[in-house]
Amino acid sequence: MRARQRHLNPGHLGMACAFDARFISGLSNNDALTTWNDRTANARNATQATTAKKPTYKTGELNGNPGLSFDGGDGLQVASFNASILASAHVVFKASANGIVYERGTFSGDNGCSYIYTTTGDTTLFRGTAISAYNRAIDWGIGSTWRLVGHEANGTHTSHQFFIDGALQSMSSTVANNPTGSYSLALNIGARNNATSLFMTGSIAALTFGPFLESPARRRLQNSLGYSFKLACS
């Protein structure tokens, strides 16, 4: 793998925000995390002010790398920022119980919502002026197996794609419209709406969110995350 892929900062691909547990400093194993700093120049940090809802920093969580543990009652939030629904999100995580891995906005109220959810129903969704959603097999995301998961959408349902460990997945279409639009919304990690519901139980090591990535850039990002966390990536 080329050095530029091994040491890629997702900000160089135009990501709106990017989080990587390897770059957390000042914490020891089992410390609560208040702020997960954004690696891009946008300084869109993910925070949690409520002590009981803060994830726990864990060393040696994934192949010698650290991660954040979410206990089924934790969550982080990035303050609202404007971004197109033509979007990309990639997450390194494991889960032992179903919940929201990430969600931008809230599906029940806000246009512009997108999310990755670890159970059946709408596994991967983009909701703009219309909704594009796909479903995977029940409980696809649980079992405490580390995965590199991502989805991409470029304004059409057919461009909406879902990847696990770099491999494009065959999905069942649940809502087949073409989402468009740009929205100012918060981004939530590990739960819905600043840790109020749909809590994930598991761990997250990295997350990126930003504009849709064409195939070469997407593969650079996926390969970089796979290499960094020693995960096989197709």
C-alpha atoms as a PDB file:
ATOM      1  CA  MET A   1       0.000   0.000   0.000  1.00  0.00           C
ATOM      2  CA  ARG A   2       1.282   3.447  -0.839  1.00  0.00           C
ATOM      3  CA  ALA A   3       2.433   5.650   2.044  1.00  0.00           C
ATOM      4  CA  ARG A   4      -0.164   8.304   1.202  1.00  0.00           C
ATOM      5  CA  GLN A   5      -2.907   5.699   1.818  1.00  0.00           C
ATOM      6  CA  ARG A   6      -1.361   4.378   5.020  1.00  0.00           C
ATOM      7  CA  HIS A   7      -1.154   7.860   6.533  1.00  0.00           C
ATOM      8  CA  LEU A   8      -4.192   9.469   4.937  1.00  0.00           C
ATOM      9  CA  ASN A   9      -5.986  12.231   6.833  1.00  0.00           C
ATOM     10  CA  PRO A  10      -9.636  12.034   5.660  1.00  0.00           C
ATOM     11  CA  GLY A  11      -9.732  15.825   5.672  1.00  0.00           C
ATOM     12  CA  HIS A  12      -7.567  15.711   2.563  1.00  0.00           C
ATOM     13  CA  LEU A  13     -10.479  14.019   0.769  1.00  0.00           C
ATOM     14  CA  GLY A  14     -12.816  16.848   1.738  1.00  0.00           C
ATOM     15  CA  MET A  15     -14.500  15.059   4.657  1.00  0.00           C
ATOM     16  CA  ALA A  16     -16.687  17.315   6.809  1.00  0.00           C
ATOM     17  CA  CYS A  17     -15.372  15.625   9.974  1.00  0.00           C
ATOM     18  CA  ALA A  18     -13.243  12.625  10.860  1.00  0.00           C
ATOM     19  CA  PHE A  19     -12.591  10.832  14.147  1.00  0.00           C
ATOM     20  CA  ASP A  20      -9.877   8.306  14.961  1.00  0.00           C
ATOM     21  CA  ALA A  21      -9.278   6.842  18.433  1.00  0.00           C
ATOM     22  CA  ARG A  22      -5.552   6.476  17.720  1.00  0.00           C
ATOM     23  CA  PHE A  23      -5.226  10.268  17.922  1.00  0.00           C
ATOM     24  CA  ILE A  24      -6.942  10.682  21.308  1.00  0.00           C
ATOM     25  CA  SER A  25      -4.458  12.055  23.838  1.00  0.00           C
ATOM     26  CA  GLY A  26      -4.453  12.738  27.559  1.00  0.00           C
ATOM     27  CA  LEU A  27      -6.589   9.742  28.552  1.00  0.00           C
ATOM     28  CA  SER A  28      -5.759   6.444  30.231  1.00  0.00           C
ATOM     29  CA  ASN A  29      -7.513   3.115  29.865  1.00  0.00           C
ATOM     30  CA  ASN A  30     -11.125   3.241  31.170  1.00  0.00           C
ATOM     31  CA  ASP A  31     -11.249   7.056  31.307  1.00  0.00           C
ATOM     32  CA  ALA A  32     -14.498   8.736  30.247  1.00  0.00           C
ATOM     33  CA  LEU A  33     -14.226  10.784  27.061  1.00  0.00           C
ATOM     34  CA  THR A  34     -15.756  14.257  26.905  1.00  0.00           C
ATOM     35  CA  THR A  35     -14.448  15.412  23.502  1.00  0.00           C
ATOM     36  CA  TRP A  36     -13.401  13.447  20.438  1.00  0.00           C
ATOM     37  CA  ASN A  37     -11.409  15.883  18.340  1.00  0.00           C
ATOM     38  CA  ASP A  38     -12.080  16.219  14.634  1.00  0.00           C
ATOM     39  CA  ARG A  39      -9.004  15.396  12.542  1.00  0.00           C
ATOM     40  CA  THR A  40     -10.003  17.725   9.707  1.00  0.00           C
ATOM     41  CA  ALA A  41      -9.338  21.456   9.735  1.00  0.00           C
ATOM     42  CA  ASN A  42     -13.058  22.055  10.355  1.00  0.00           C
ATOM     43  CA  ALA A  43     -12.790  21.499  14.137  1.00  0.00           C
ATOM     44  CA  ARG A  44     -16.185  19.779  14.306  1.00  0.00           C
ATOM     45  CA  ASN A  45     -15.497  17.941  17.544  1.00  0.00           C
ATOM     46  CA  ALA A  46     -17.856  15.296  18.943  1.00  0.00           C
ATOM     47  CA  THR A  47     -18.745  15.972  22.577  1.00  0.00           C
ATOM     48  CA  GLN A  48     -20.805  14.744  25.514  1.00  0.00           C
ATOM     49  CA  ALA A  49     -21.354  16.882  28.615  1.00  0.00           C
ATOM     50  CA  THR A  50     -23.426  14.404  30.665  1.00  0.00           C
ATOM     51  CA  THR A  51     -21.117  12.179  32.725  1.00  0.00           C
ATOM     52  CA  ALA A  52     -23.350   9.097  32.593  1.00  0.00           C
ATOM     53  CA  LYS A  53     -23.512   9.279  28.783  1.00  0.00           C
ATOM     54  CA  LYS A  54     -19.798   9.588  28.041  1.00  0.00           C
ATOM     55  CA  PRO A  55     -18.158   6.678  26.192  1.00  0.00           C
ATOM     56  CA  THR A  56     -15.114   5.000  27.731  1.00  0.00           C
ATOM     57  CA  TYR A  57     -11.638   5.153  26.217  1.00  0.00           C
ATOM     58  CA  LYS A  58     -10.097   1.688  25.872  1.00  0.00           C
ATOM     59  CA  THR A  59      -6.491   0.903  24.983  1.00  0.00           C
ATOM     60  CA  GLY A  60      -5.678  -2.203  22.980  1.00  0.00           C
ATOM     61  CA  GLU A  61      -9.274  -2.469  21.795  1.00  0.00           C
ATOM     62  CA  LEU A  62      -8.597  -3.474  18.197  1.00  0.00           C
ATOM     63  CA  ASN A  63      -5.367  -5.152  17.108  1.00  0.00           C
ATOM     64  CA  GLY A  64      -3.341  -3.054  19.539  1.00  0.00           C
ATOM     65  CA  ASN A  65      -5.217   0.154  18.721  1.00  0.00           C
ATOM     66  CA  PRO A  66      -7.545   2.078  21.049  1.00  0.00           C
ATOM     67  CA  GLY A  67     -11.300   2.534  20.684  1.00  0.00           C
ATOM     68  CA  LEU A  68     -14.301   4.006  22.461  1.00  0.00           C
ATOM     69  CA  SER A  69     -16.686   1.730  24.331  1.00  0.00           C
ATOM     70  CA  PHE A  70     -20.426   2.559  24.267  1.00  0.00           C
ATOM     71  CA  ASP A  71     -22.345   0.748  27.032  1.00  0.00           C
ATOM     72  CA  GLY A  72     -25.892   1.069  25.716  1.00  0.00           C
ATOM     73  CA  GLY A  73     -26.443   4.460  27.303  1.00  0.00           C
ATOM     74  CA  ASP A  74     -23.665   6.565  25.770  1.00  0.00           C
ATOM     75  CA  GLY A  75     -23.400   8.871  22.795  1.00  0.00           C
ATOM     76  CA  LEU A  76     -21.529  11.795  21.252  1.00  0.00           C
ATOM     77  CA  GLN A  77     -22.765  14.673  19.129  1.00  0.00           C
ATOM     78  CA  VAL A  78     -21.211  17.052  16.621  1.00  0.00           C
ATOM     79  CA  ALA A  79     -22.979  20.427  16.540  1.00  0.00           C
ATOM     80  CA  SER A  80     -25.078  21.218  13.467  1.00  0.00           C
ATOM     81  CA  PHE A  81     -23.219  21.931  10.243  1.00  0.00           C
ATOM     82  CA  ASN A  82     -24.349  22.341   6.663  1.00  0.00           C
ATOM     83  CA  ALA A  83     -23.725  19.478   4.257  1.00  0.00           C
ATOM     84  CA  SER A  84     -25.259  17.926   1.176  1.00  0.00           C
ATOM     85  CA  ILE A  85     -27.264  14.714   1.390  1.00  0.00           C
ATOM     86  CA  LEU A  86     -24.930  13.515  -1.399  1.00  0.00           C
ATOM     87  CA  ALA A  87     -22.791  11.989   1.288  1.00  0.00           C
ATOM     88  CA  SER A  88     -20.274   9.426   2.473  1.00  0.00           C
ATOM     89  CA  ALA A  89     -19.864   7.816   5.903  1.00  0.00           C
ATOM     90  CA  HIS A  90     -17.404   5.105   6.962  1.00  0.00           C
ATOM     91  CA  VAL A  91     -17.108   3.591  10.451  1.00  0.00           C
ATOM     92  CA  VAL A  92     -14.826   1.060  12.153  1.00  0.00           C
ATOM     93  CA  PHE A  93     -16.929  -0.567  14.875  1.00  0.00           C
ATOM     94  CA  LYS A  94     -18.153  -3.683  16.638  1.00  0.00           C
ATOM     95  CA  ALA A  95     -21.529  -4.122  18.347  1.00  0.00           C
ATOM     96  CA  SER A  96     -23.005  -6.654  20.754  1.00  0.00           C
ATOM     97  CA  ALA A  97     -26.512  -5.136  20.729  1.00  0.00           C
ATOM     98  CA  ASN A  98     -28.405  -3.204  18.071  1.00  0.00           C
ATOM     99  CA  GLY A  99     -28.483   0.576  17.807  1.00  0.00           C
ATOM    100  CA  ILE A 100     -27.457   3.616  15.800  1.00  0.00           C
ATOM    101  CA  VAL A 101     -23.784   3.590  14.795  1.00  0.00           C
ATOM    102  CA  TYR A 102     -24.052   7.115  13.432  1.00  0.00           C
ATOM    103  CA  GLU A 103     -26.974   9.344  12.490  1.00  0.00           C
ATOM    104  CA  ARG A 104     -27.035  12.829  11.039  1.00  0.00           C
ATOM    105  CA  GLY A 105     -30.278  14.588  11.950  1.00  0.00           C
ATOM    106  CA  THR A 106     -33.209  12.531  13.251  1.00  0.00           C
ATOM    107  CA  PHE A 107     -35.271  10.438  10.872  1.00  0.00           C
ATOM    108  CA  SER A 108     -38.579  11.216  12.576  1.00  0.00           C
ATOM    109  CA  GLY A 109     -38.282  14.956  12.079  1.00  0.00           C
ATOM    110  CA  ASP A 110     -35.493  16.322   9.940  1.00  0.00           C
ATOM    111  CA  ASN A 111     -34.987  16.182   6.218  1.00  0.00           C
ATOM    112  CA  GLY A 112     -31.376  15.499   5.395  1.00  0.00           C
ATOM    113  CA  CYS A 113     -31.127  12.574   7.811  1.00  0.00           C
ATOM    114  CA  SER A 114     -28.758   9.710   7.093  1.00  0.00           C
ATOM    115  CA  TYR A 115     -27.723   6.772   9.243  1.00  0.00           C
ATOM    116  CA  ILE A 116     -26.192   3.323   9.601  1.00  0.00           C
ATOM    117  CA  TYR A 117     -28.211   1.067  11.908  1.00  0.00           C
ATOM    118  CA  THR A 118     -27.098  -2.412  13.029  1.00  0.00           C
ATOM    119  CA  THR A 119     -30.423  -4.215  12.711  1.00  0.00           C
ATOM    120  CA  THR A 120     -32.965  -5.024  10.033  1.00  0.00           C
ATOM    121  CA  GLY A 121     -35.488  -2.481   8.766  1.00  0.00           C
ATOM    122  CA  ASP A 122     -33.622   0.360   7.086  1.00  0.00           C
ATOM    123  CA  THR A 123     -29.965  -0.535   7.620  1.00  0.00           C
ATOM    124  CA  THR A 124     -28.602   2.300   5.490  1.00  0.00           C
ATOM    125  CA  LEU A 125     -30.589   5.427   4.721  1.00  0.00           C
ATOM    126  CA  PHE A 126     -30.297   8.858   3.108  1.00  0.00           C
ATOM    127  CA  ARG A 127     -33.285  11.152   3.498  1.00  0.00           C
ATOM    128  CA  GLY A 128     -33.325  14.417   1.562  1.00  0.00           C
ATOM    129  CA  THR A 129     -36.146  15.723  -0.606  1.00  0.00           C
ATOM    130  CA  ALA A 130     -36.894  11.989  -0.957  1.00  0.00           C
ATOM    131  CA  ILE A 131     -35.736   8.799   0.766  1.00  0.00           C
ATOM    132  CA  SER A 132     -33.330   6.085  -0.373  1.00  0.00           C
ATOM    133  CA  ALA A 133     -33.082   3.110   1.985  1.00  0.00           C
ATOM    134  CA  TYR A 134     -31.744  -0.425   1.907  1.00  0.00           C
ATOM    135  CA  ASN A 135     -32.097  -3.320   4.309  1.00  0.00           C
ATOM    136  CA  ARG A 136     -29.662  -6.086   5.248  1.00  0.00           C
ATOM    137  CA  ALA A 137     -30.339  -9.351   7.074  1.00  0.00           C
ATOM    138  CA  ILE A 138     -31.567  -9.109  10.657  1.00  0.00           C
ATOM    139  CA  ASP A 139     -28.859  -8.392  13.259  1.00  0.00           C
ATOM    140  CA  TRP A 140     -26.253  -8.053  10.506  1.00  0.00           C
ATOM    141  CA  GLY A 141     -24.126  -5.690  12.584  1.00  0.00           C
ATOM    142  CA  ILE A 142     -23.963  -7.474  15.934  1.00  0.00           C
ATOM    143  CA  GLY A 143     -21.817 -10.317  17.214  1.00  0.00           C
ATOM    144  CA  SER A 144     -18.848  -8.308  18.543  1.00  0.00           C
ATOM    145  CA  THR A 145     -16.992  -8.639  15.232  1.00  0.00           C
ATOM    146  CA  TRP A 146     -14.988  -5.597  14.177  1.00  0.00           C
ATOM    147  CA  ARG A 147     -16.089  -4.255  10.801  1.00  0.00           C
ATOM    148  CA  LEU A 148     -15.237  -1.429   8.463  1.00  0.00           C
ATOM    149  CA  VAL A 149     -18.661  -0.335   7.226  1.00  0.00           C
ATOM    150  CA  GLY A 150     -19.521   2.497   4.855  1.00  0.00           C
ATOM    151  CA  HIS A 151     -22.245   3.890   2.663  1.00  0.00           C
ATOM    152  CA  GLU A 152     -22.262   6.344  -0.201  1.00  0.00           C
ATOM    153  CA  ALA A 153     -25.040   8.194  -2.050  1.00  0.00           C
ATOM    154  CA  ASN A 154     -24.777  10.551  -5.012  1.00  0.00           C
ATOM    155  CA  GLY A 155     -28.358  11.726  -5.450  1.00  0.00           C
ATOM    156  CA  THR A 156     -29.924   8.581  -6.905  1.00  0.00           C
ATOM    157  CA  HIS A 157     -31.134   5.361  -5.327  1.00  0.00           C
ATOM    158  CA  THR A 158     -28.938   3.345  -7.676  1.00  0.00           C
ATOM    159  CA  SER A 159     -25.844   5.284  -6.538  1.00  0.00           C
ATOM    160  CA  HIS A 160     -26.645   4.438  -2.897  1.00  0.00           C
ATOM    161  CA  GLN A 161     -24.121   1.740  -1.995  1.00  0.00           C
ATOM    162  CA  PHE A 162     -23.240  -0.134   1.200  1.00  0.00           C
ATOM    163  CA  PHE A 163     -19.824  -1.685   1.945  1.00  0.00           C
ATOM    164  CA  ILE A 164     -18.475  -4.070   4.581  1.00  0.00           C
ATOM    165  CA  ASP A 165     -14.682  -4.384   4.779  1.00  0.00           C
ATOM    166  CA  GLY A 166     -14.440  -2.743   1.375  1.00  0.00           C
ATOM    167  CA  ALA A 167     -16.795  -5.191  -0.363  1.00  0.00           C
ATOM    168  CA  LEU A 168     -19.976  -3.911  -1.999  1.00  0.00           C
ATOM    169  CA  GLN A 169     -23.011  -5.601  -0.433  1.00  0.00           C
ATOM    170  CA  SER A 170     -26.149  -6.939  -2.048  1.00  0.00           C
ATOM    171  CA  MET A 171     -29.064  -5.264  -0.257  1.00  0.00           C
ATOM    172  CA  SER A 172     -32.861  -5.336  -0.274  1.00  0.00           C
ATOM    173  CA  SER A 173     -34.361  -2.026  -1.378  1.00  0.00           C
ATOM    174  CA  THR A 174     -37.021  -0.663   1.011  1.00  0.00           C
ATOM    175  CA  VAL A 175     -37.527   2.907  -0.300  1.00  0.00           C
ATOM    176  CA  ALA A 176     -36.279   3.580  -3.828  1.00  0.00           C
ATOM    177  CA  ASN A 177     -36.325   7.351  -4.335  1.00  0.00           C
ATOM    178  CA  ASN A 178     -33.606   9.870  -5.176  1.00  0.00           C
ATOM    179  CA  PRO A 179     -32.519  12.002  -2.183  1.00  0.00           C
ATOM    180  CA  THR A 180     -31.191  15.524  -2.815  1.00  0.00           C
ATOM    181  CA  GLY A 181     -30.721  18.721  -0.842  1.00  0.00           C
ATOM    182  CA  SER A 182     -28.358  20.378   1.627  1.00  0.00           C
ATOM    183  CA  TYR A 183     -29.127  20.665   5.337  1.00  0.00           C
ATOM    184  CA  SER A 184     -27.717  22.002   8.609  1.00  0.00           C
ATOM    185  CA  LEU A 185     -27.927  19.126  11.093  1.00  0.00           C
ATOM    186  CA  ALA A 186     -26.079  17.636  14.053  1.00  0.00           C
ATOM    187  CA  LEU A 187     -24.199  14.355  13.698  1.00  0.00           C
ATOM    188  CA  ASN A 188     -24.708  11.735  16.416  1.00  0.00           C
ATOM    189  CA  ILE A 189     -22.378   8.846  17.240  1.00  0.00           C
ATOM    190  CA  GLY A 190     -23.472   5.715  19.102  1.00  0.00           C
ATOM    191  CA  ALA A 191     -27.084   6.820  19.672  1.00  0.00           C
ATOM    192  CA  ARG A 192     -29.877   9.050  18.382  1.00  0.00           C
ATOM    193  CA  ASN A 193     -30.299  12.759  19.184  1.00  0.00           C
ATOM    194  CA  ASN A 194     -27.424  13.388  21.617  1.00  0.00           C
ATOM    195  CA  ALA A 195     -27.771  10.062  23.424  1.00  0.00           C
ATOM    196  CA  THR A 196     -31.509   9.896  24.010  1.00  0.00           C
ATOM    197  CA  SER A 197     -32.509   6.624  22.263  1.00  0.00           C
ATOM    198  CA  LEU A 198     -31.468   3.755  19.945  1.00  0.00           C
ATOM    199  CA  PHE A 199     -28.224   3.285  21.873  1.00  0.00           C
ATOM    200  CA  MET A 200     -25.515   1.084  20.433  1.00  0.00           C
ATOM    201  CA  THR A 201     -23.682  -1.365  22.704  1.00  0.00           C
ATOM    202  CA  GLY A 202     -20.174  -1.897  21.426  1.00  0.00           C
ATOM    203  CA  SER A 203     -17.099   0.054  20.378  1.00  0.00           C
ATOM    204  CA  ILE A 204     -16.120   2.556  17.700  1.00  0.00           C
ATOM    205  CA  ALA A 205     -12.521   3.130  16.612  1.00  0.00           C
ATOM    206  CA  ALA A 206     -12.975   5.568  13.713  1.00  0.00           C
ATOM    207  CA  LEU A 207     -15.672   7.459  11.815  1.00  0.00           C
ATOM    208  CA  THR A 208     -15.646   9.796   8.827  1.00  0.00           C
ATOM    209  CA  PHE A 209     -18.497  11.811   7.326  1.00  0.00           C
ATOM    210  CA  GLY A 210     -18.478  14.050   4.294  1.00  0.00           C
ATOM    211  CA  PRO A 211     -19.403  14.433   0.636  1.00  0.00           C
ATOM    212  CA  PHE A 212     -19.907  11.526  -1.745  1.00  0.00           C
ATOM    213  CA  LEU A 213     -16.617   9.896  -2.770  1.00  0.00           C
ATOM    214  CA  GLU A 214     -16.015   8.566  -6.251  1.00  0.00           C
ATOM    215  CA  SER A 215     -14.588   5.045  -6.337  1.00  0.00           C
ATOM    216  CA  PRO A 216     -10.840   5.886  -6.315  1.00  0.00           C
ATOM    217  CA  ALA A 217     -11.162   8.210  -3.305  1.00  0.00           C
ATOM    218  CA  ARG A 218     -13.497   5.818  -1.498  1.00  0.00           C
ATOM    219  CA  ARG A 219     -11.040   2.978  -1.924  1.00  0.00           C
ATOM    220  CA  ARG A 220      -8.201   5.158  -0.650  1.00  0.00           C
ATOM    221  CA  LEU A 221     -10.198   5.924   2.477  1.00  0.00           C
ATOM    222  CA  GLN A 222     -11.300   2.325   3.047  1.00  0.00           C
ATOM    223  CA  ASN A 223      -7.809   0.939   2.454  1.00  0.00           C
ATOM    224  CA  SER A 224      -6.307   3.516   4.804  1.00  0.00           C
ATOM    225  CA  LEU A 225      -8.750   2.625   7.603  1.00  0.00           C
ATOM    226  CA  GLY A 226      -8.240  -1.087   6.991  1.00  0.00           C
ATOM    227  CA  TYR A 227      -4.466  -0.738   7.126  1.00  0.00           C
ATOM    228  CA  SER A 228      -4.522   1.499  10.193  1.00  0.00           C
ATOM    229  CA  PHE A 229      -6.656  -0.902  12.233  1.00  0.00           C
ATOM    230  CA  LYS A 230      -5.276  -4.126  10.698  1.00  0.00           C
ATOM    231  CA  LEU A 231      -8.586  -5.155   9.167  1.00  0.00           C
ATOM    232  CA  ALA A 232      -8.768  -7.058   5.887  1.00  0.00           C
ATOM    233  CA  CYS A 233     -10.253  -4.778   3.244  1.00  0.00           C
ATOM    234  CA  SER A 234     -11.294  -5.959  -0.222  1.00  0.00           C
END
